[in-house]
Amino acid sequence: MEGRPRVRVFTDPDAPEALLAEIHGFLVEAFEGRFSAEDWEHTAGGSRVVVLDGDAPVSHAAVVPRLLRVGPRELAAGYVEGVGTAPGRQGEGLASLAMTEAGKLLPGRFEMGALSTPVPGFYERLGWERWRGPTFVREGTQLKRTPDEDGGIMVLRFGPSRAVDLEAPIACEARSGDDW
């Protein structure tokens, strides 16, 4: 390591193509080949938090805008996607560094943070909370129950979402690949 890792925040138009290619490459490796083209697409359209060691990206988290319905209320959510660290660099706190910075992007831009994960403990120690209510996907005017997502949705409440009921139904819009 050349020194202390540093964090940079980019929008896609501001990120060099080579940097995006390196991030995509290590995410595919970090997810052991289970990071699909749709998963990569889901990281686009917002801000990318990138931890760099010198000029090399070593960890990443994207924050993209999504509209979530919590009970009858719609909330503009900063949805976190593509959290991962380059193999060989995992366990150094780099994803925690990326997620801490991603959390700072949420207030002022969004009403709530949200993400989907099979490892909620990682996010809980950073202040994220498990959604305890039922999950759904909106397809037009229809709601489709997504019981497999129950317990894997996490939220970061602040300001306008501070009092949101974690047991209320929550729904996202349908999209290609994984809806959540």
C-alpha atoms as a PDB file:
ATOM      1  CA  MET A   1       0.000   0.000   0.000  1.00  0.00           C
ATOM      2  CA  GLU A   2       1.352   3.411  -0.965  1.00  0.00           C
ATOM      3  CA  GLY A   3      -0.065   5.128   2.118  1.00  0.00           C
ATOM      4  CA  ARG A   4      -3.412   5.721   3.661  1.00  0.00           C
ATOM      5  CA  PRO A   5      -6.313   4.865   1.384  1.00  0.00           C
ATOM      6  CA  ARG A   6      -8.235   7.917   0.262  1.00  0.00           C
ATOM      7  CA  VAL A   7     -11.878   8.248  -0.653  1.00  0.00           C
ATOM      8  CA  ARG A   8     -13.139   9.959  -3.798  1.00  0.00           C
ATOM      9  CA  VAL A   9     -16.726  10.524  -4.851  1.00  0.00           C
ATOM     10  CA  PHE A  10     -17.504  10.508  -8.565  1.00  0.00           C
ATOM     11  CA  THR A  11     -20.544  10.712 -10.771  1.00  0.00           C
ATOM     12  CA  ASP A  12     -20.291   8.439 -13.792  1.00  0.00           C
ATOM     13  CA  PRO A  13     -19.633  11.290 -16.254  1.00  0.00           C
ATOM     14  CA  ASP A  14     -16.721  12.390 -14.052  1.00  0.00           C
ATOM     15  CA  ALA A  15     -15.230   8.913 -13.605  1.00  0.00           C
ATOM     16  CA  PRO A  16     -12.587   7.852 -16.128  1.00  0.00           C
ATOM     17  CA  GLU A  17     -13.628   4.796 -18.168  1.00  0.00           C
ATOM     18  CA  ALA A  18     -10.508   2.926 -17.031  1.00  0.00           C
ATOM     19  CA  LEU A  19     -11.471   3.492 -13.382  1.00  0.00           C
ATOM     20  CA  LEU A  20     -15.000   2.190 -14.003  1.00  0.00           C
ATOM     21  CA  ALA A  21     -13.561  -0.867 -15.768  1.00  0.00           C
ATOM     22  CA  GLU A  22     -11.251  -1.601 -12.806  1.00  0.00           C
ATOM     23  CA  ILE A  23     -14.137  -1.256 -10.335  1.00  0.00           C
ATOM     24  CA  HIS A  24     -16.349  -3.512 -12.429  1.00  0.00           C
ATOM     25  CA  GLY A  25     -13.559  -6.083 -12.632  1.00  0.00           C
ATOM     26  CA  PHE A  26     -12.935  -6.320  -8.914  1.00  0.00           C
ATOM     27  CA  LEU A  27     -16.678  -6.419  -8.148  1.00  0.00           C
ATOM     28  CA  VAL A  28     -17.070  -9.456 -10.427  1.00  0.00           C
ATOM     29  CA  GLU A  29     -14.171 -11.099  -8.587  1.00  0.00           C
ATOM     30  CA  ALA A  30     -15.390 -10.053  -5.116  1.00  0.00           C
ATOM     31  CA  PHE A  31     -18.836 -11.513  -5.814  1.00  0.00           C
ATOM     32  CA  GLU A  32     -17.193 -14.673  -7.200  1.00  0.00           C
ATOM     33  CA  GLY A  33     -18.820 -14.302 -10.616  1.00  0.00           C
ATOM     34  CA  ARG A  34     -22.316 -13.599  -9.222  1.00  0.00           C
ATOM     35  CA  PHE A  35     -22.180  -9.895 -10.144  1.00  0.00           C
ATOM     36  CA  SER A  36     -24.310  -9.687 -13.286  1.00  0.00           C
ATOM     37  CA  ALA A  37     -24.502  -7.095 -16.050  1.00  0.00           C
ATOM     38  CA  GLU A  38     -27.755  -5.913 -14.445  1.00  0.00           C
ATOM     39  CA  ASP A  39     -26.000  -5.581 -11.074  1.00  0.00           C
ATOM     40  CA  TRP A  40     -23.433  -3.303 -12.743  1.00  0.00           C
ATOM     41  CA  GLU A  41     -26.200  -1.295 -14.434  1.00  0.00           C
ATOM     42  CA  HIS A  42     -27.843  -0.807 -11.034  1.00  0.00           C
ATOM     43  CA  THR A  43     -24.715   1.008  -9.799  1.00  0.00           C
ATOM     44  CA  ALA A  44     -25.058   3.719 -12.476  1.00  0.00           C
ATOM     45  CA  GLY A  45     -26.898   7.002 -12.335  1.00  0.00           C
ATOM     46  CA  GLY A  46     -25.858   8.412  -8.995  1.00  0.00           C
ATOM     47  CA  SER A  47     -22.618   8.803  -7.087  1.00  0.00           C
ATOM     48  CA  ARG A  48     -19.787   6.314  -6.702  1.00  0.00           C
ATOM     49  CA  VAL A  49     -17.766   6.239  -3.521  1.00  0.00           C
ATOM     50  CA  VAL A  50     -14.371   4.811  -4.412  1.00  0.00           C
ATOM     51  CA  VAL A  51     -11.571   3.973  -2.008  1.00  0.00           C
ATOM     52  CA  LEU A  52      -8.222   4.365  -3.745  1.00  0.00           C
ATOM     53  CA  ASP A  53      -4.802   3.023  -2.820  1.00  0.00           C
ATOM     54  CA  GLY A  54      -2.617   5.312  -4.870  1.00  0.00           C
ATOM     55  CA  ASP A  55      -4.465   5.379  -8.185  1.00  0.00           C
ATOM     56  CA  ALA A  56      -5.885   1.862  -7.818  1.00  0.00           C
ATOM     57  CA  PRO A  57      -9.516   1.453  -6.752  1.00  0.00           C
ATOM     58  CA  VAL A  58      -9.780  -1.078  -3.926  1.00  0.00           C
ATOM     59  CA  SER A  59     -13.344  -0.635  -2.636  1.00  0.00           C
ATOM     60  CA  HIS A  60     -16.614   0.760  -3.973  1.00  0.00           C
ATOM     61  CA  ALA A  61     -20.185   1.678  -3.049  1.00  0.00           C
ATOM     62  CA  ALA A  62     -22.686   3.393  -5.348  1.00  0.00           C
ATOM     63  CA  VAL A  63     -25.609   5.558  -4.201  1.00  0.00           C
ATOM     64  CA  VAL A  64     -28.394   5.783  -6.772  1.00  0.00           C
ATOM     65  CA  PRO A  65     -31.817   7.423  -6.572  1.00  0.00           C
ATOM     66  CA  ARG A  66     -34.843   5.146  -6.143  1.00  0.00           C
ATOM     67  CA  LEU A  67     -38.407   5.829  -5.129  1.00  0.00           C
ATOM     68  CA  LEU A  68     -39.601   3.551  -2.321  1.00  0.00           C
ATOM     69  CA  ARG A  69     -43.116   3.318  -0.949  1.00  0.00           C
ATOM     70  CA  VAL A  70     -43.336   2.822   2.804  1.00  0.00           C
ATOM     71  CA  GLY A  71     -46.956   2.134   3.702  1.00  0.00           C
ATOM     72  CA  PRO A  72     -48.858   4.911   1.866  1.00  0.00           C
ATOM     73  CA  ARG A  73     -45.862   7.271   1.728  1.00  0.00           C
ATOM     74  CA  GLU A  74     -43.334   7.610  -1.103  1.00  0.00           C
ATOM     75  CA  LEU A  75     -39.763   8.398  -0.122  1.00  0.00           C
ATOM     76  CA  ALA A  76     -36.842   9.463  -2.283  1.00  0.00           C
ATOM     77  CA  ALA A  77     -34.214   6.926  -1.272  1.00  0.00           C
ATOM     78  CA  GLY A  78     -30.498   6.856  -1.808  1.00  0.00           C
ATOM     79  CA  TYR A  79     -30.181   3.180  -2.688  1.00  0.00           C
ATOM     80  CA  VAL A  80     -26.756   1.640  -2.137  1.00  0.00           C
ATOM     81  CA  GLU A  81     -25.500  -0.796  -4.780  1.00  0.00           C
ATOM     82  CA  GLY A  82     -22.262  -2.579  -5.661  1.00  0.00           C
ATOM     83  CA  VAL A  83     -20.596  -2.579  -2.260  1.00  0.00           C
ATOM     84  CA  GLY A  84     -17.421  -4.573  -2.574  1.00  0.00           C
ATOM     85  CA  THR A  85     -13.692  -4.706  -2.023  1.00  0.00           C
ATOM     86  CA  ALA A  86     -10.980  -6.100  -4.253  1.00  0.00           C
ATOM     87  CA  PRO A  87     -10.035  -9.671  -3.349  1.00  0.00           C
ATOM     88  CA  GLY A  88      -6.820  -9.652  -1.364  1.00  0.00           C
ATOM     89  CA  ARG A  89      -7.827  -6.355   0.271  1.00  0.00           C
ATOM     90  CA  GLN A  90     -10.914  -7.600   2.102  1.00  0.00           C
ATOM     91  CA  GLY A  91     -10.900  -7.401   5.882  1.00  0.00           C
ATOM     92  CA  GLU A  92      -8.960  -4.105   5.981  1.00  0.00           C
ATOM     93  CA  GLY A  93     -11.989  -1.904   6.705  1.00  0.00           C
ATOM     94  CA  LEU A  94     -12.097  -0.499   3.168  1.00  0.00           C
ATOM     95  CA  ALA A  95     -15.798  -1.266   2.565  1.00  0.00           C
ATOM     96  CA  SER A  96     -16.582   0.304   5.954  1.00  0.00           C
ATOM     97  CA  LEU A  97     -14.724   3.400   4.800  1.00  0.00           C
ATOM     98  CA  ALA A  98     -16.724   3.461   1.538  1.00  0.00           C
ATOM     99  CA  MET A  99     -20.032   2.930   3.357  1.00  0.00           C
ATOM    100  CA  THR A 100     -19.282   5.622   5.929  1.00  0.00           C
ATOM    101  CA  GLU A 101     -18.735   8.105   3.111  1.00  0.00           C
ATOM    102  CA  ALA A 102     -21.825   6.827   1.252  1.00  0.00           C
ATOM    103  CA  GLY A 103     -23.862   7.453   4.405  1.00  0.00           C
ATOM    104  CA  LYS A 104     -22.689  11.084   4.415  1.00  0.00           C
ATOM    105  CA  LEU A 105     -24.095  11.562   0.896  1.00  0.00           C
ATOM    106  CA  LEU A 106     -27.640  10.630   1.896  1.00  0.00           C
ATOM    107  CA  PRO A 107     -28.920  13.518   4.086  1.00  0.00           C
ATOM    108  CA  GLY A 108     -29.643  16.590   2.038  1.00  0.00           C
ATOM    109  CA  ARG A 109     -30.040  14.582  -1.181  1.00  0.00           C
ATOM    110  CA  PHE A 110     -32.517  11.914  -0.109  1.00  0.00           C
ATOM    111  CA  GLU A 111     -35.169  11.207   2.511  1.00  0.00           C
ATOM    112  CA  MET A 112     -33.804   7.785   3.509  1.00  0.00           C
ATOM    113  CA  GLY A 113     -31.033   5.335   2.685  1.00  0.00           C
ATOM    114  CA  ALA A 114     -31.816   1.754   1.630  1.00  0.00           C
ATOM    115  CA  LEU A 115     -30.064  -1.377   0.372  1.00  0.00           C
ATOM    116  CA  SER A 116     -30.469  -5.125   0.057  1.00  0.00           C
ATOM    117  CA  THR A 117     -27.927  -7.527   1.534  1.00  0.00           C
ATOM    118  CA  PRO A 118     -27.410 -11.122   2.666  1.00  0.00           C
ATOM    119  CA  VAL A 119     -24.977  -9.832   5.361  1.00  0.00           C
ATOM    120  CA  PRO A 120     -26.956  -7.365   7.502  1.00  0.00           C
ATOM    121  CA  GLY A 121     -24.479  -7.434  10.398  1.00  0.00           C
ATOM    122  CA  PHE A 122     -21.907  -5.475   8.377  1.00  0.00           C
ATOM    123  CA  TYR A 123     -24.364  -2.622   7.834  1.00  0.00           C
ATOM    124  CA  GLU A 124     -25.927  -2.726  11.303  1.00  0.00           C
ATOM    125  CA  ARG A 125     -22.618  -1.765  12.899  1.00  0.00           C
ATOM    126  CA  LEU A 126     -22.621   1.304  10.625  1.00  0.00           C
ATOM    127  CA  GLY A 127     -26.053   2.442  11.865  1.00  0.00           C
ATOM    128  CA  TRP A 128     -28.277   0.767   9.258  1.00  0.00           C
ATOM    129  CA  GLU A 129     -31.436  -0.995  10.463  1.00  0.00           C
ATOM    130  CA  ARG A 130     -33.167  -4.123   9.203  1.00  0.00           C
ATOM    131  CA  TRP A 131     -36.564  -3.598   7.652  1.00  0.00           C
ATOM    132  CA  ARG A 132     -38.952  -5.811   9.615  1.00  0.00           C
ATOM    133  CA  GLY A 133     -42.095  -5.334   7.512  1.00  0.00           C
ATOM    134  CA  PRO A 134     -43.115  -7.211   4.376  1.00  0.00           C
ATOM    135  CA  THR A 135     -41.400  -6.381   1.074  1.00  0.00           C
ATOM    136  CA  PHE A 136     -43.018  -5.847  -2.318  1.00  0.00           C
ATOM    137  CA  VAL A 137     -42.200  -4.853  -5.885  1.00  0.00           C
ATOM    138  CA  ARG A 138     -44.390  -2.428  -7.821  1.00  0.00           C
ATOM    139  CA  GLU A 139     -45.138  -3.419 -11.394  1.00  0.00           C
ATOM    140  CA  GLY A 140     -47.318  -0.604 -12.731  1.00  0.00           C
ATOM    141  CA  THR A 141     -50.207  -0.378 -10.283  1.00  0.00           C
ATOM    142  CA  GLN A 142     -49.753  -3.933  -8.991  1.00  0.00           C
ATOM    143  CA  LEU A 143     -47.814  -4.948  -5.890  1.00  0.00           C
ATOM    144  CA  LYS A 144     -46.018  -8.308  -5.969  1.00  0.00           C
ATOM    145  CA  ARG A 145     -44.966  -9.797  -2.638  1.00  0.00           C
ATOM    146  CA  THR A 146     -41.218 -10.593  -2.364  1.00  0.00           C
ATOM    147  CA  PRO A 147     -40.947 -12.777   0.765  1.00  0.00           C
ATOM    148  CA  ASP A 148     -37.388 -13.868  -0.132  1.00  0.00           C
ATOM    149  CA  GLU A 149     -36.285 -10.246   0.464  1.00  0.00           C
ATOM    150  CA  ASP A 150     -37.782 -10.073   3.957  1.00  0.00           C
ATOM    151  CA  GLY A 151     -35.025  -9.533   6.511  1.00  0.00           C
ATOM    152  CA  GLY A 152     -32.492  -8.500   3.863  1.00  0.00           C
ATOM    153  CA  ILE A 153     -33.582  -4.913   3.292  1.00  0.00           C
ATOM    154  CA  MET A 154     -31.705  -2.338   5.359  1.00  0.00           C
ATOM    155  CA  VAL A 155     -32.484   1.344   5.828  1.00  0.00           C
ATOM    156  CA  LEU A 156     -30.692   4.358   7.195  1.00  0.00           C
ATOM    157  CA  ARG A 157     -33.236   6.718   8.745  1.00  0.00           C
ATOM    158  CA  PHE A 158     -32.604  10.417   9.267  1.00  0.00           C
ATOM    159  CA  GLY A 159     -34.517  13.697   9.072  1.00  0.00           C
ATOM    160  CA  PRO A 160     -37.705  13.060   7.063  1.00  0.00           C
ATOM    161  CA  SER A 161     -37.532   9.278   7.620  1.00  0.00           C
ATOM    162  CA  ARG A 162     -36.509   9.292  11.292  1.00  0.00           C
ATOM    163  CA  ALA A 163     -39.986   8.123  12.431  1.00  0.00           C
ATOM    164  CA  VAL A 164     -40.668   5.692   9.556  1.00  0.00           C
ATOM    165  CA  ASP A 165     -42.210   2.477  10.876  1.00  0.00           C
ATOM    166  CA  LEU A 166     -39.772  -0.386  10.220  1.00  0.00           C
ATOM    167  CA  GLU A 167     -42.693  -2.850  10.309  1.00  0.00           C
ATOM    168  CA  ALA A 168     -44.728  -1.165   7.564  1.00  0.00           C
ATOM    169  CA  PRO A 169     -44.880  -2.677   4.081  1.00  0.00           C
ATOM    170  CA  ILE A 170     -42.091  -1.420   1.787  1.00  0.00           C
ATOM    171  CA  ALA A 171     -42.083  -1.531  -2.015  1.00  0.00           C
ATOM    172  CA  CYS A 172     -39.637  -0.685  -4.794  1.00  0.00           C
ATOM    173  CA  GLU A 173     -40.198  -0.305  -8.529  1.00  0.00           C
ATOM    174  CA  ALA A 174     -39.555  -3.353 -10.703  1.00  0.00           C
ATOM    175  CA  ARG A 175     -36.341  -3.305 -12.723  1.00  0.00           C
ATOM    176  CA  SER A 176     -34.209  -5.707 -14.759  1.00  0.00           C
ATOM    177  CA  GLY A 177     -32.236  -8.248 -12.748  1.00  0.00           C
ATOM    178  CA  ASP A 178     -32.832  -8.222  -9.004  1.00  0.00           C
ATOM    179  CA  ASP A 179     -35.659  -5.847  -8.126  1.00  0.00           C
ATOM    180  CA  TRP A 180     -34.204  -5.160  -4.689  1.00  0.00           C
END
